[in-house]
C-alpha atoms as a PDB file:
ATOM      1  CA  ASP A   1      94.554  -9.210 231.247  1.00  0.00           C
ATOM      2  CA  VAL A   2      93.429  -5.728 230.245  1.00  0.00           C
ATOM      3  CA  GLN A   3      92.750  -5.409 226.535  1.00  0.00           C
ATOM      4  CA  LEU A   4      91.458  -2.565 224.412  1.00  0.00           C
ATOM      5  CA  GLN A   5      90.737  -3.488 220.819  1.00  0.00           C
ATOM      6  CA  ALA A   6      90.215  -0.565 218.460  1.00  0.00           C
ATOM      7  CA  SER A   7      88.666  -1.169 215.060  1.00  0.00           C
ATOM      8  CA  GLY A   8      86.749   0.553 212.304  1.00  0.00           C
ATOM      9  CA  GLY A   9      89.464   2.575 210.635  1.00  0.00           C
ATOM     10  CA  GLY A  10      89.959   2.693 206.908  1.00  0.00           C
ATOM     11  CA  LEU A  11      90.597   4.752 203.818  1.00  0.00           C
ATOM     12  CA  VAL A  12      87.824   7.176 202.905  1.00  0.00           C
ATOM     13  CA  GLN A  13      87.354  10.340 200.915  1.00  0.00           C
ATOM     14  CA  ALA A  14      86.892  13.729 202.490  1.00  0.00           C
ATOM     15  CA  GLY A  15      83.331  14.216 203.667  1.00  0.00           C
ATOM     16  CA  ALA A  16      82.775  10.547 204.416  1.00  0.00           C
ATOM     17  CA  SER A  17      82.026   8.960 207.770  1.00  0.00           C
ATOM     18  CA  LEU A  18      83.564   6.206 209.842  1.00  0.00           C
ATOM     19  CA  ARG A  19      82.676   4.685 213.179  1.00  0.00           C
ATOM     20  CA  LEU A  20      85.487   3.490 215.378  1.00  0.00           C
ATOM     21  CA  SER A  21      84.892   0.939 218.107  1.00  0.00           C
ATOM     22  CA  CYS A  22      86.938   0.197 221.184  1.00  0.00           C
ATOM     23  CA  ALA A  23      86.108  -3.121 222.815  1.00  0.00           C
ATOM     24  CA  ALA A  24      87.454  -3.508 226.334  1.00  0.00           C
ATOM     25  CA  SER A  25      88.020  -6.509 228.552  1.00  0.00           C
ATOM     26  CA  GLY A  26      89.865  -7.423 231.714  1.00  0.00           C
ATOM     27  CA  PHE A  27      88.712  -4.580 233.931  1.00  0.00           C
ATOM     28  CA  THR A  28      85.536  -2.998 235.261  1.00  0.00           C
ATOM     29  CA  PHE A  29      84.797  -0.989 232.167  1.00  0.00           C
ATOM     30  CA  ASP A  30      81.846   1.017 233.424  1.00  0.00           C
ATOM     31  CA  LYS A  31      83.906   2.551 236.220  1.00  0.00           C
ATOM     32  CA  TYR A  32      86.389   4.290 233.925  1.00  0.00           C
ATOM     33  CA  ALA A  33      86.420   7.197 231.563  1.00  0.00           C
ATOM     34  CA  VAL A  34      87.498   6.255 228.061  1.00  0.00           C
ATOM     35  CA  GLY A  35      89.336   8.454 225.640  1.00  0.00           C
ATOM     36  CA  TRP A  36      90.214   8.492 221.986  1.00  0.00           C
ATOM     37  CA  PHE A  37      93.583   9.902 220.957  1.00  0.00           C
ATOM     38  CA  ARG A  38      95.225  10.152 217.585  1.00  0.00           C
ATOM     39  CA  GLN A  39      98.762  10.408 216.351  1.00  0.00           C
ATOM     40  CA  VAL A  40     100.420  11.362 213.125  1.00  0.00           C
ATOM     41  CA  PRO A  41     104.021  10.226 212.528  1.00  0.00           C
ATOM     42  CA  GLY A  42     106.404  12.847 213.801  1.00  0.00           C
ATOM     43  CA  LYS A  43     103.804  14.576 215.937  1.00  0.00           C
ATOM     44  CA  GLU A  44     102.656  14.175 219.492  1.00  0.00           C
ATOM     45  CA  ARG A  45      99.632  12.121 220.321  1.00  0.00           C
ATOM     46  CA  GLU A  46      96.611  14.382 220.804  1.00  0.00           C
ATOM     47  CA  VAL A  47      93.348  13.857 222.577  1.00  0.00           C
ATOM     48  CA  VAL A  48      90.310  13.685 220.336  1.00  0.00           C
ATOM     49  CA  SER A  49      87.450  12.927 222.693  1.00  0.00           C
ATOM     50  CA  CYS A  50      86.686  11.457 226.106  1.00  0.00           C
ATOM     51  CA  ILE A  51      83.602  10.189 227.862  1.00  0.00           C
ATOM     52  CA  ASN A  52      83.121   9.917 231.605  1.00  0.00           C
ATOM     53  CA  SER A  53      81.961   6.768 233.306  1.00  0.00           C
ATOM     54  CA  ILE A  54      79.476   8.133 235.803  1.00  0.00           C
ATOM     55  CA  ASP A  55      77.637  10.973 234.142  1.00  0.00           C
ATOM     56  CA  GLY A  56      78.554  10.330 230.522  1.00  0.00           C
ATOM     57  CA  ARG A  57      79.997  13.803 230.215  1.00  0.00           C
ATOM     58  CA  ARG A  58      81.877  14.235 226.963  1.00  0.00           C
ATOM     59  CA  TYR A  59      84.876  16.231 225.875  1.00  0.00           C
ATOM     60  CA  TYR A  60      85.836  17.052 222.303  1.00  0.00           C
ATOM     61  CA  ALA A  61      88.889  18.697 220.843  1.00  0.00           C
ATOM     62  CA  ASP A  62      88.010  21.896 219.023  1.00  0.00           C
ATOM     63  CA  SER A  63      89.143  20.375 215.743  1.00  0.00           C
ATOM     64  CA  VAL A  64      86.488  17.637 215.881  1.00  0.00           C
ATOM     65  CA  ARG A  65      83.646  19.230 217.796  1.00  0.00           C
ATOM     66  CA  ASP A  66      80.370  19.109 215.844  1.00  0.00           C
ATOM     67  CA  ARG A  67      81.760  16.392 213.556  1.00  0.00           C
ATOM     68  CA  PHE A  68      82.641  13.567 215.958  1.00  0.00           C
ATOM     69  CA  THR A  69      80.424  11.931 218.566  1.00  0.00           C
ATOM     70  CA  ILE A  70      81.655   9.670 221.343  1.00  0.00           C
ATOM     71  CA  SER A  71      79.362   7.185 223.034  1.00  0.00           C
ATOM     72  CA  ARG A  72      79.623   4.101 225.191  1.00  0.00           C
ATOM     73  CA  ASP A  73      77.686   0.920 225.683  1.00  0.00           C
ATOM     74  CA  ASN A  74      78.612  -0.413 229.089  1.00  0.00           C
ATOM     75  CA  ALA A  75      76.661  -3.612 228.501  1.00  0.00           C
ATOM     76  CA  LYS A  76      79.020  -4.357 225.607  1.00  0.00           C
ATOM     77  CA  ASN A  77      82.149  -2.866 227.210  1.00  0.00           C
ATOM     78  CA  THR A  78      82.544  -0.781 224.097  1.00  0.00           C
ATOM     79  CA  VAL A  79      83.113   2.874 223.274  1.00  0.00           C
ATOM     80  CA  TYR A  80      82.367   4.287 219.857  1.00  0.00           C
ATOM     81  CA  LEU A  81      83.601   7.302 217.969  1.00  0.00           C
ATOM     82  CA  GLN A  82      81.302   8.348 215.165  1.00  0.00           C
ATOM     83  CA  MET A  83      83.284  10.509 212.780  1.00  0.00           C
ATOM     84  CA  ASN A  84      81.368  12.512 210.203  1.00  0.00           C
ATOM     85  CA  ASN A  85      82.502  14.943 207.544  1.00  0.00           C
ATOM     86  CA  LEU A  86      86.033  13.601 207.719  1.00  0.00           C
ATOM     87  CA  LYS A  87      88.849  15.848 206.574  1.00  0.00           C
ATOM     88  CA  PRO A  88      92.353  15.005 205.356  1.00  0.00           C
ATOM     89  CA  GLU A  89      93.722  16.459 208.586  1.00  0.00           C
ATOM     90  CA  ASP A  90      91.876  13.730 210.497  1.00  0.00           C
ATOM     91  CA  THR A  91      94.300  11.215 209.019  1.00  0.00           C
ATOM     92  CA  ALA A  92      96.069   9.499 211.904  1.00  0.00           C
ATOM     93  CA  VAL A  93      96.281   6.348 213.948  1.00  0.00           C
ATOM     94  CA  TYR A  94      93.467   6.422 216.482  1.00  0.00           C
ATOM     95  CA  TYR A  95      93.911   4.889 219.910  1.00  0.00           C
ATOM     96  CA  CYS A  96      91.524   4.286 222.763  1.00  0.00           C
ATOM     97  CA  VAL A  97      92.666   4.441 226.363  1.00  0.00           C
ATOM     98  CA  ALA A  98      91.094   3.543 229.680  1.00  0.00           C
ATOM     99  CA  ASP A  99      92.503   3.044 233.139  1.00  0.00           C
ATOM    100  CA  GLY A 100      95.951   3.882 231.811  1.00  0.00           C
ATOM    101  CA  HIS A 101      95.819   1.113 229.215  1.00  0.00           C
ATOM    102  CA  TRP A 102      96.121   1.762 225.499  1.00  0.00           C
ATOM    103  CA  GLY A 103      94.693  -0.158 222.592  1.00  0.00           C
ATOM    104  CA  GLN A 104      96.756  -1.010 219.535  1.00  0.00           C
ATOM    105  CA  GLY A 105      95.367   1.734 217.311  1.00  0.00           C
ATOM    106  CA  THR A 106      93.424   1.783 214.071  1.00  0.00           C
ATOM    107  CA  GLN A 107      94.489   3.721 210.994  1.00  0.00           C
ATOM    108  CA  VAL A 108      92.201   6.363 209.553  1.00  0.00           C
ATOM    109  CA  THR A 109      93.190   7.836 206.211  1.00  0.00           C
ATOM    110  CA  VAL A 110      91.159  10.575 204.581  1.00  0.00           C
ATOM    111  CA  SER A 111      91.945  11.486 201.003  1.00  0.00           C
ATOM    112  CA  SER A 112      91.165  14.873 199.546  1.00  0.00           C
END
Protein backbone atom coordinates (compact mmCIF):
# COMPACT_ATOMS: atom_id res chain seq x y z
CA ASP A 1 0.00 0.00 0.00
CA VAL A 2 1.60 3.24 -1.16
CA GLN A 3 1.33 6.01 1.41
CA LEU A 4 2.64 9.55 1.49
CA GLN A 5 2.15 11.34 4.78
CA ALA A 6 2.70 15.09 4.70
CA SER A 7 3.11 16.99 7.95
CA GLY A 8 4.58 20.15 9.39
CA GLY A 9 2.07 22.73 8.28
CA GLY A 10 0.65 25.36 10.57
CA LEU A 11 -0.29 28.97 11.13
CA VAL A 12 2.63 31.39 11.17
CA GLN A 13 3.28 35.06 10.66
CA ALA A 14 4.92 36.47 7.58
CA GLY A 15 8.68 36.06 7.72
CA ALA A 16 8.54 32.88 9.76
CA SER A 17 9.76 29.43 8.76
CA LEU A 18 8.23 25.99 8.57
CA ARG A 19 9.58 22.61 7.58
CA LEU A 20 7.25 20.21 5.86
CA SER A 21 7.94 16.49 5.85
CA CYS A 22 6.66 13.82 3.51
CA ALA A 23 7.10 10.29 4.82
CA ALA A 24 6.68 7.59 2.19
CA SER A 25 6.03 3.88 2.41
CA GLY A 26 4.93 1.04 0.19
CA PHE A 27 7.26 1.61 -2.74
CA THR A 28 10.95 1.90 -3.54
CA PHE A 29 11.29 5.48 -2.46
CA ASP A 30 14.85 6.12 -3.57
CA LYS A 31 14.02 5.31 -7.18
CA TYR A 32 11.50 8.12 -7.61
CA ALA A 33 11.52 11.86 -7.87
CA VAL A 34 9.37 13.55 -5.26
CA GLY A 35 7.52 16.79 -5.67
CA TRP A 36 5.74 19.30 -3.52
CA PHE A 37 2.65 21.00 -4.91
CA ARG A 38 0.28 23.47 -3.35
CA GLN A 39 -3.30 24.46 -3.92
CA VAL A 40 -5.48 27.34 -2.91
CA PRO A 41 -9.27 26.88 -3.05
CA GLY A 42 -10.55 27.90 -6.44
CA LYS A 43 -7.15 27.73 -8.08
CA GLU A 44 -5.23 25.03 -9.85
CA ARG A 45 -2.66 22.99 -8.03
CA GLU A 46 0.82 24.35 -8.74
CA VAL A 47 4.22 22.79 -8.47
CA VAL A 48 6.43 24.22 -5.76
CA SER A 49 9.55 22.09 -5.87
CA CYS A 50 10.83 18.69 -6.98
CA ILE A 51 13.88 16.60 -6.28
CA ASN A 52 15.26 13.85 -8.49
CA SER A 53 16.06 10.40 -7.22
CA ILE A 54 19.36 9.72 -8.92
CA ASP A 55 21.31 12.95 -8.96
CA GLY A 56 19.34 14.94 -6.40
CA ARG A 57 18.72 17.68 -8.93
CA ARG A 58 16.20 20.19 -7.65
CA TYR A 59 13.57 22.36 -9.25
CA TYR A 60 11.92 25.39 -7.68
CA ALA A 61 9.06 27.55 -8.82
CA ASP A 62 10.15 31.14 -9.32
CA SER A 63 7.87 32.26 -6.51
CA VAL A 64 9.75 30.19 -3.91
CA ARG A 65 13.29 30.08 -5.24
CA ASP A 66 15.81 31.36 -2.67
CA ARG A 67 13.27 30.92 0.14
CA PHE A 68 12.42 27.21 0.00
CA THR A 69 14.80 24.25 0.06
CA ILE A 70 13.86 20.69 -0.82
CA SER A 71 15.87 17.75 0.43
CA ARG A 72 15.48 14.02 0.85
CA ASP A 73 16.68 11.38 3.24
CA ASN A 74 16.40 8.07 1.44
CA ALA A 75 17.33 6.15 4.58
CA LYS A 76 14.18 7.56 6.20
CA ASN A 77 12.02 7.52 3.05
CA THR A 78 11.32 11.17 3.70
CA VAL A 79 11.42 14.39 1.71
CA TYR A 80 11.54 17.77 3.40
CA LEU A 81 10.59 21.24 2.31
CA GLN A 82 12.25 23.95 4.36
CA MET A 83 10.27 27.13 3.90
CA ASN A 84 11.85 30.38 5.05
CA ASN A 85 10.65 33.96 4.90
CA LEU A 86 7.08 32.82 4.40
CA LYS A 87 4.67 35.21 2.75
CA PRO A 88 0.87 35.39 2.88
CA GLU A 89 0.78 34.23 -0.73
CA ASP A 90 2.37 30.95 0.37
CA THR A 91 -0.87 30.10 2.13
CA ALA A 92 -2.16 26.86 0.65
CA VAL A 93 -2.56 23.16 1.20
CA TYR A 94 0.76 21.51 0.42
CA TYR A 95 0.90 18.05 -1.09
CA CYS A 96 3.74 15.68 -1.81
CA VAL A 97 3.66 13.33 -4.76
CA ALA A 98 5.80 10.43 -5.89
CA ASP A 99 5.28 7.68 -8.43
CA GLY A 100 1.90 9.17 -9.28
CA HIS A 101 0.69 8.92 -5.68
CA TRP A 102 -0.43 11.92 -3.67
CA GLY A 103 -0.31 12.52 0.04
CA GLN A 104 -3.24 13.96 1.94
CA GLY A 105 -1.89 17.50 2.19
CA THR A 106 -0.92 19.77 5.05
CA GLN A 107 -2.27 23.27 5.53
CA VAL A 108 0.10 26.21 5.62
CA THR A 109 -1.36 29.56 6.61
CA VAL A 110 0.75 32.69 6.67
CA SER A 111 -0.72 35.79 8.25
CA SER A 112 0.41 39.27 7.35
